[in-house]
Amino acid sequence: MKNLLLQLKDNNGFVAMDMLIVMAIVMASAVVWSSASLLMSAQQQNSYRTAAIFLAQGELNKLEYAIENNAILNLEAENVDCGEQQFILQKEVIEQDEQFLLKVKVVWYYEDNLQQEQQERIIVKK
């Protein structure tokens, strides 16, 4: 061990310049690696949120179509499997006179945290 420490130091007792360069490269590599993993995690979360927005808009379109055509509304919660991610769709329709408030909430878990996206639309039935 003592021999290794002597190799790391130059004649004046300071750490040799080449060892400082090696340590700087190793530390920079660790920073780049951790930053890349954080960036990939944020990108994955963004793709799940985008999928949830599209799911919510699609469900709002289906509810609006059902109301305009006097079809039966399915307001039960649904589980949707999009590849490796599970989404839960919760739907609600509130009717006042000739207006309908449509609400769709999409819920999913990402890294053990509950995430949600809610979309609303008001339509007037003629």
N, C-alpha and C. Protein backbone atom coordinates (compact mmCIF):
# COMPACT_ATOMS: atom_id res chain seq x y z
N MET A 1 0.83 -1.19 0.00
CA MET A 1 0.00 0.00 0.00
C MET A 1 0.87 1.26 0.00
N LYS A 2 1.93 1.22 0.84
CA LYS A 2 2.82 2.37 0.91
C LYS A 2 3.51 2.60 -0.43
N ASN A 3 3.85 1.52 -1.10
CA ASN A 3 4.50 1.62 -2.41
C ASN A 3 3.56 2.27 -3.43
N LEU A 4 2.25 1.92 -3.35
CA LEU A 4 1.26 2.51 -4.26
C LEU A 4 1.13 4.00 -4.01
N LEU A 5 1.11 4.40 -2.74
CA LEU A 5 1.03 5.83 -2.42
C LEU A 5 2.25 6.58 -2.93
N LEU A 6 3.40 5.96 -2.87
CA LEU A 6 4.60 6.61 -3.37
C LEU A 6 4.53 6.79 -4.88
N GLN A 7 3.90 5.85 -5.57
CA GLN A 7 3.77 5.97 -7.02
C GLN A 7 2.81 7.08 -7.41
N LEU A 8 1.82 7.35 -6.55
CA LEU A 8 0.84 8.38 -6.86
C LEU A 8 1.39 9.79 -6.65
N LYS A 9 2.45 9.91 -5.89
CA LYS A 9 2.99 11.23 -5.58
C LYS A 9 4.27 11.47 -6.37
N ASP A 10 4.53 12.74 -6.66
CA ASP A 10 5.78 13.08 -7.34
C ASP A 10 6.87 13.31 -6.28
N ASN A 11 8.00 13.81 -6.69
CA ASN A 11 9.15 13.98 -5.79
C ASN A 11 8.90 15.01 -4.69
N ASN A 12 8.00 15.95 -4.90
CA ASN A 12 7.74 17.00 -3.92
C ASN A 12 6.66 16.62 -2.92
N GLY A 13 6.07 15.45 -3.04
CA GLY A 13 5.04 15.02 -2.10
C GLY A 13 3.63 15.33 -2.55
N PHE A 14 3.47 15.98 -3.68
CA PHE A 14 2.15 16.28 -4.21
C PHE A 14 1.68 15.14 -5.12
N VAL A 15 0.39 15.07 -5.34
CA VAL A 15 -0.15 14.05 -6.24
C VAL A 15 0.34 14.36 -7.65
N ALA A 16 0.78 13.33 -8.34
CA ALA A 16 1.33 13.50 -9.69
C ALA A 16 0.27 14.04 -10.64
N MET A 17 0.70 14.81 -11.61
CA MET A 17 -0.21 15.45 -12.56
C MET A 17 -1.00 14.43 -13.36
N ASP A 18 -0.37 13.34 -13.76
CA ASP A 18 -1.10 12.34 -14.54
C ASP A 18 -2.20 11.69 -13.72
N MET A 19 -1.98 11.54 -12.40
CA MET A 19 -3.04 10.98 -11.54
C MET A 19 -4.20 11.97 -11.40
N LEU A 20 -3.88 13.26 -11.32
CA LEU A 20 -4.94 14.27 -11.27
C LEU A 20 -5.79 14.24 -12.53
N ILE A 21 -5.14 14.05 -13.66
CA ILE A 21 -5.87 13.98 -14.94
C ILE A 21 -6.77 12.76 -14.96
N VAL A 22 -6.24 11.62 -14.51
CA VAL A 22 -7.04 10.38 -14.49
C VAL A 22 -8.24 10.55 -13.55
N MET A 23 -8.01 11.14 -12.37
CA MET A 23 -9.12 11.34 -11.43
C MET A 23 -10.16 12.28 -12.01
N ALA A 24 -9.74 13.32 -12.70
CA ALA A 24 -10.69 14.26 -13.31
C ALA A 24 -11.52 13.58 -14.39
N ILE A 25 -10.88 12.72 -15.18
CA ILE A 25 -11.61 12.00 -16.23
C ILE A 25 -12.64 11.05 -15.62
N VAL A 26 -12.25 10.34 -14.56
CA VAL A 26 -13.18 9.41 -13.90
C VAL A 26 -14.36 10.16 -13.30
N MET A 27 -14.10 11.28 -12.65
CA MET A 27 -15.18 12.06 -12.04
C MET A 27 -16.10 12.65 -13.11
N ALA A 28 -15.52 13.13 -14.20
CA ALA A 28 -16.35 13.68 -15.29
C ALA A 28 -17.21 12.59 -15.91
N SER A 29 -16.66 11.39 -16.04
CA SER A 29 -17.44 10.27 -16.59
C SER A 29 -18.62 9.94 -15.68
N ALA A 30 -18.39 9.96 -14.37
CA ALA A 30 -19.47 9.68 -13.43
C ALA A 30 -20.57 10.73 -13.52
N VAL A 31 -20.19 11.99 -13.66
CA VAL A 31 -21.18 13.07 -13.78
C VAL A 31 -21.98 12.92 -15.06
N VAL A 32 -21.31 12.63 -16.17
CA VAL A 32 -22.00 12.46 -17.44
C VAL A 32 -22.96 11.27 -17.37
N TRP A 33 -22.53 10.17 -16.77
CA TRP A 33 -23.36 8.98 -16.66
C TRP A 33 -24.62 9.26 -15.83
N SER A 34 -24.45 9.94 -14.68
CA SER A 34 -25.62 10.22 -13.84
C SER A 34 -26.54 11.23 -14.52
N SER A 35 -25.99 12.21 -15.22
CA SER A 35 -26.83 13.17 -15.94
C SER A 35 -27.61 12.49 -17.05
N ALA A 36 -26.97 11.56 -17.75
CA ALA A 36 -27.66 10.84 -18.83
C ALA A 36 -28.80 10.00 -18.28
N SER A 37 -28.59 9.36 -17.13
CA SER A 37 -29.68 8.55 -16.57
C SER A 37 -30.84 9.43 -16.12
N LEU A 38 -30.55 10.60 -15.56
CA LEU A 38 -31.63 11.53 -15.18
C LEU A 38 -32.38 12.02 -16.40
N LEU A 39 -31.66 12.31 -17.47
CA LEU A 39 -32.29 12.78 -18.70
C LEU A 39 -33.17 11.69 -19.31
N MET A 40 -32.70 10.45 -19.29
CA MET A 40 -33.50 9.35 -19.83
C MET A 40 -34.75 9.12 -18.99
N SER A 41 -34.64 9.26 -17.68
CA SER A 41 -35.79 9.11 -16.80
C SER A 41 -36.83 10.20 -17.07
N ALA A 42 -36.37 11.43 -17.24
CA ALA A 42 -37.29 12.54 -17.54
C ALA A 42 -37.95 12.35 -18.90
N GLN A 43 -37.20 11.84 -19.86
CA GLN A 43 -37.76 11.60 -21.19
C GLN A 43 -38.82 10.50 -21.14
N GLN A 44 -38.59 9.45 -20.35
CA GLN A 44 -39.56 8.38 -20.20
C GLN A 44 -40.84 8.90 -19.55
N GLN A 45 -40.69 9.70 -18.50
CA GLN A 45 -41.86 10.28 -17.83
C GLN A 45 -42.64 11.17 -18.79
N ASN A 46 -41.94 11.95 -19.61
CA ASN A 46 -42.60 12.81 -20.58
C ASN A 46 -43.38 11.99 -21.61
N SER A 47 -42.84 10.86 -22.02
CA SER A 47 -43.56 10.03 -23.00
C SER A 47 -44.82 9.43 -22.37
N TYR A 48 -44.76 9.06 -21.08
CA TYR A 48 -45.96 8.55 -20.41
C TYR A 48 -47.02 9.64 -20.28
N ARG A 49 -46.60 10.85 -19.95
CA ARG A 49 -47.56 11.96 -19.84
C ARG A 49 -48.19 12.26 -21.20
N THR A 50 -47.41 12.22 -22.26
CA THR A 50 -47.95 12.44 -23.61
C THR A 50 -48.97 11.36 -23.96
N ALA A 51 -48.66 10.11 -23.63
CA ALA A 51 -49.61 9.02 -23.88
C ALA A 51 -50.89 9.23 -23.09
N ALA A 52 -50.77 9.69 -21.85
CA ALA A 52 -51.96 9.94 -21.02
C ALA A 52 -52.82 11.05 -21.61
N ILE A 53 -52.20 12.09 -22.14
CA ILE A 53 -52.96 13.18 -22.76
C ILE A 53 -53.72 12.68 -23.98
N PHE A 54 -53.06 11.87 -24.81
CA PHE A 54 -53.74 11.32 -25.99
C PHE A 54 -54.88 10.38 -25.59
N LEU A 55 -54.66 9.57 -24.55
CA LEU A 55 -55.73 8.69 -24.08
C LEU A 55 -56.93 9.50 -23.59
N ALA A 56 -56.67 10.55 -22.81
CA ALA A 56 -57.75 11.38 -22.29
C ALA A 56 -58.52 12.06 -23.42
N GLN A 57 -57.82 12.60 -24.40
CA GLN A 57 -58.50 13.26 -25.52
C GLN A 57 -59.32 12.26 -26.32
N GLY A 58 -58.80 11.07 -26.52
CA GLY A 58 -59.55 10.04 -27.23
C GLY A 58 -60.81 9.63 -26.49
N GLU A 59 -60.72 9.50 -25.18
CA GLU A 59 -61.90 9.15 -24.38
C GLU A 59 -62.92 10.28 -24.40
N LEU A 60 -62.46 11.53 -24.36
CA LEU A 60 -63.39 12.66 -24.47
C LEU A 60 -64.11 12.64 -25.81
N ASN A 61 -63.39 12.32 -26.88
CA ASN A 61 -64.02 12.22 -28.20
C ASN A 61 -65.08 11.12 -28.22
N LYS A 62 -64.78 9.97 -27.60
CA LYS A 62 -65.75 8.87 -27.57
C LYS A 62 -66.99 9.24 -26.75
N LEU A 63 -66.79 9.93 -25.62
CA LEU A 63 -67.93 10.35 -24.81
C LEU A 63 -68.78 11.38 -25.56
N GLU A 64 -68.13 12.33 -26.21
CA GLU A 64 -68.87 13.34 -26.97
C GLU A 64 -69.67 12.70 -28.09
N TYR A 65 -69.08 11.76 -28.79
CA TYR A 65 -69.78 11.05 -29.87
C TYR A 65 -70.99 10.29 -29.32
N ALA A 66 -70.82 9.65 -28.17
CA ALA A 66 -71.92 8.89 -27.57
C ALA A 66 -73.06 9.81 -27.16
N ILE A 67 -72.75 10.97 -26.61
CA ILE A 67 -73.80 11.91 -26.19
C ILE A 67 -74.53 12.48 -27.40
N GLU A 68 -73.80 12.88 -28.42
CA GLU A 68 -74.43 13.46 -29.61
C GLU A 68 -75.30 12.45 -30.36
N ASN A 69 -74.99 11.18 -30.25
CA ASN A 69 -75.74 10.15 -30.97
C ASN A 69 -76.64 9.33 -30.05
N ASN A 70 -76.89 9.83 -28.84
CA ASN A 70 -77.77 9.17 -27.87
C ASN A 70 -77.39 7.71 -27.64
N ALA A 71 -76.12 7.44 -27.62
CA ALA A 71 -75.64 6.07 -27.37
C ALA A 71 -75.48 5.86 -25.86
N ILE A 72 -75.28 4.62 -25.50
CA ILE A 72 -75.10 4.28 -24.09
C ILE A 72 -73.68 4.66 -23.67
N LEU A 73 -73.60 5.38 -22.56
CA LEU A 73 -72.29 5.81 -22.06
C LEU A 73 -71.69 4.75 -21.15
N ASN A 74 -70.45 4.44 -21.36
CA ASN A 74 -69.72 3.54 -20.48
C ASN A 74 -68.83 4.38 -19.58
N LEU A 75 -69.26 4.55 -18.32
CA LEU A 75 -68.51 5.40 -17.39
C LEU A 75 -67.70 4.59 -16.38
N GLU A 76 -67.56 3.30 -16.63
CA GLU A 76 -66.77 2.47 -15.72
C GLU A 76 -65.28 2.77 -15.92
N ALA A 77 -64.54 2.65 -14.84
CA ALA A 77 -63.09 2.83 -14.94
C ALA A 77 -62.50 1.71 -15.79
N GLU A 78 -61.54 2.07 -16.61
CA GLU A 78 -60.92 1.09 -17.51
C GLU A 78 -59.42 1.04 -17.27
N ASN A 79 -58.87 -0.15 -17.39
CA ASN A 79 -57.41 -0.32 -17.39
C ASN A 79 -56.94 -0.44 -18.82
N VAL A 80 -55.97 0.37 -19.18
CA VAL A 80 -55.42 0.35 -20.53
C VAL A 80 -53.93 0.01 -20.42
N ASP A 81 -53.52 -1.00 -21.16
CA ASP A 81 -52.12 -1.42 -21.16
C ASP A 81 -51.44 -0.88 -22.41
N CYS A 82 -50.52 0.06 -22.23
CA CYS A 82 -49.77 0.63 -23.35
C CYS A 82 -48.33 0.16 -23.25
N GLY A 83 -48.07 -0.99 -23.81
CA GLY A 83 -46.72 -1.53 -23.74
C GLY A 83 -46.38 -1.94 -22.33
N GLU A 84 -45.41 -1.27 -21.74
CA GLU A 84 -44.97 -1.61 -20.40
C GLU A 84 -45.66 -0.79 -19.31
N GLN A 85 -46.54 0.12 -19.68
CA GLN A 85 -47.18 1.01 -18.71
C GLN A 85 -48.68 0.76 -18.65
N GLN A 86 -49.21 0.70 -17.43
CA GLN A 86 -50.64 0.54 -17.20
C GLN A 86 -51.25 1.91 -16.88
N PHE A 87 -52.34 2.24 -17.55
CA PHE A 87 -53.07 3.48 -17.30
C PHE A 87 -54.47 3.12 -16.82
N ILE A 88 -55.02 3.91 -15.91
CA ILE A 88 -56.40 3.74 -15.45
C ILE A 88 -57.18 4.97 -15.90
N LEU A 89 -58.27 4.74 -16.65
CA LEU A 89 -59.11 5.83 -17.14
C LEU A 89 -60.35 5.94 -16.25
N GLN A 90 -60.58 7.12 -15.71
CA GLN A 90 -61.77 7.39 -14.91
C GLN A 90 -62.57 8.47 -15.63
N LYS A 91 -63.86 8.16 -15.88
CA LYS A 91 -64.69 9.07 -16.67
C LYS A 91 -65.88 9.56 -15.84
N GLU A 92 -66.29 10.78 -16.15
CA GLU A 92 -67.44 11.37 -15.46
C GLU A 92 -68.16 12.30 -16.43
N VAL A 93 -69.50 12.26 -16.40
CA VAL A 93 -70.32 13.14 -17.22
C VAL A 93 -71.30 13.84 -16.29
N ILE A 94 -71.31 15.17 -16.34
CA ILE A 94 -72.25 15.97 -15.54
C ILE A 94 -73.15 16.72 -16.52
N GLU A 95 -74.47 16.52 -16.35
CA GLU A 95 -75.44 17.14 -17.26
C GLU A 95 -76.17 18.27 -16.56
N GLN A 96 -76.23 19.43 -17.23
CA GLN A 96 -77.02 20.56 -16.76
C GLN A 96 -77.73 21.15 -17.96
N ASP A 97 -79.05 21.08 -17.93
CA ASP A 97 -79.88 21.53 -19.05
C ASP A 97 -79.43 20.83 -20.33
N GLU A 98 -78.95 21.60 -21.29
CA GLU A 98 -78.49 21.02 -22.55
C GLU A 98 -76.96 20.98 -22.63
N GLN A 99 -76.31 21.27 -21.51
CA GLN A 99 -74.84 21.25 -21.49
C GLN A 99 -74.35 20.00 -20.77
N PHE A 100 -73.26 19.48 -21.26
CA PHE A 100 -72.62 18.33 -20.65
C PHE A 100 -71.17 18.67 -20.35
N LEU A 101 -70.77 18.40 -19.11
CA LEU A 101 -69.36 18.55 -18.74
C LEU A 101 -68.76 17.15 -18.73
N LEU A 102 -67.80 16.93 -19.61
CA LEU A 102 -67.14 15.64 -19.72
C LEU A 102 -65.78 15.74 -19.04
N LYS A 103 -65.49 14.78 -18.17
CA LYS A 103 -64.20 14.75 -17.48
C LYS A 103 -63.58 13.38 -17.65
N VAL A 104 -62.32 13.37 -17.96
CA VAL A 104 -61.57 12.12 -18.03
C VAL A 104 -60.27 12.33 -17.26
N LYS A 105 -60.03 11.42 -16.32
CA LYS A 105 -58.78 11.45 -15.56
C LYS A 105 -58.01 10.17 -15.88
N VAL A 106 -56.75 10.34 -16.22
CA VAL A 106 -55.87 9.20 -16.50
C VAL A 106 -54.85 9.13 -15.37
N VAL A 107 -54.78 7.95 -14.75
CA VAL A 107 -53.90 7.75 -13.60
C VAL A 107 -52.90 6.64 -13.95
N TRP A 108 -51.64 6.84 -13.56
CA TRP A 108 -50.62 5.81 -13.74
C TRP A 108 -49.55 5.98 -12.68
N TYR A 109 -48.78 4.95 -12.49
CA TYR A 109 -47.67 4.98 -11.55
C TYR A 109 -46.36 5.01 -12.32
N TYR A 110 -45.47 5.89 -11.91
CA TYR A 110 -44.13 5.94 -12.49
C TYR A 110 -43.13 6.03 -11.35
N GLU A 111 -42.25 5.07 -11.28
CA GLU A 111 -41.27 4.97 -10.21
C GLU A 111 -41.94 5.08 -8.84
N ASP A 112 -43.02 4.32 -8.67
CA ASP A 112 -43.80 4.23 -7.43
C ASP A 112 -44.46 5.55 -7.01
N ASN A 113 -44.58 6.49 -7.91
CA ASN A 113 -45.27 7.75 -7.63
C ASN A 113 -46.54 7.80 -8.48
N LEU A 114 -47.63 8.20 -7.85
CA LEU A 114 -48.90 8.34 -8.56
C LEU A 114 -48.85 9.58 -9.44
N GLN A 115 -49.15 9.41 -10.72
CA GLN A 115 -49.19 10.50 -11.68
C GLN A 115 -50.61 10.57 -12.23
N GLN A 116 -51.05 11.75 -12.61
CA GLN A 116 -52.38 11.86 -13.21
C GLN A 116 -52.46 13.02 -14.19
N GLU A 117 -53.34 12.84 -15.14
CA GLU A 117 -53.62 13.87 -16.15
C GLU A 117 -55.13 13.95 -16.27
N GLN A 118 -55.70 15.16 -16.17
CA GLN A 118 -57.14 15.32 -16.27
C GLN A 118 -57.47 16.27 -17.40
N GLN A 119 -58.44 15.88 -18.21
CA GLN A 119 -58.92 16.70 -19.32
C GLN A 119 -60.43 16.88 -19.16
N GLU A 120 -60.92 18.07 -19.51
CA GLU A 120 -62.36 18.36 -19.43
C GLU A 120 -62.81 18.99 -20.74
N ARG A 121 -64.09 18.79 -21.02
CA ARG A 121 -64.68 19.39 -22.22
C ARG A 121 -66.15 19.68 -21.93
N ILE A 122 -66.62 20.83 -22.37
CA ILE A 122 -68.05 21.18 -22.26
C ILE A 122 -68.64 21.12 -23.65
N ILE A 123 -69.74 20.38 -23.78
CA ILE A 123 -70.44 20.33 -25.07
C ILE A 123 -71.88 20.73 -24.84
N VAL A 124 -72.48 21.28 -25.88
CA VAL A 124 -73.89 21.67 -25.85
C VAL A 124 -74.61 20.77 -26.84
N LYS A 125 -75.60 20.04 -26.33
CA LYS A 125 -76.36 19.14 -27.20
C LYS A 125 -77.48 19.92 -27.85
N LYS A 126 -77.60 19.79 -29.16
CA LYS A 126 -78.61 20.53 -29.91
C LYS A 126 -79.83 19.68 -30.15
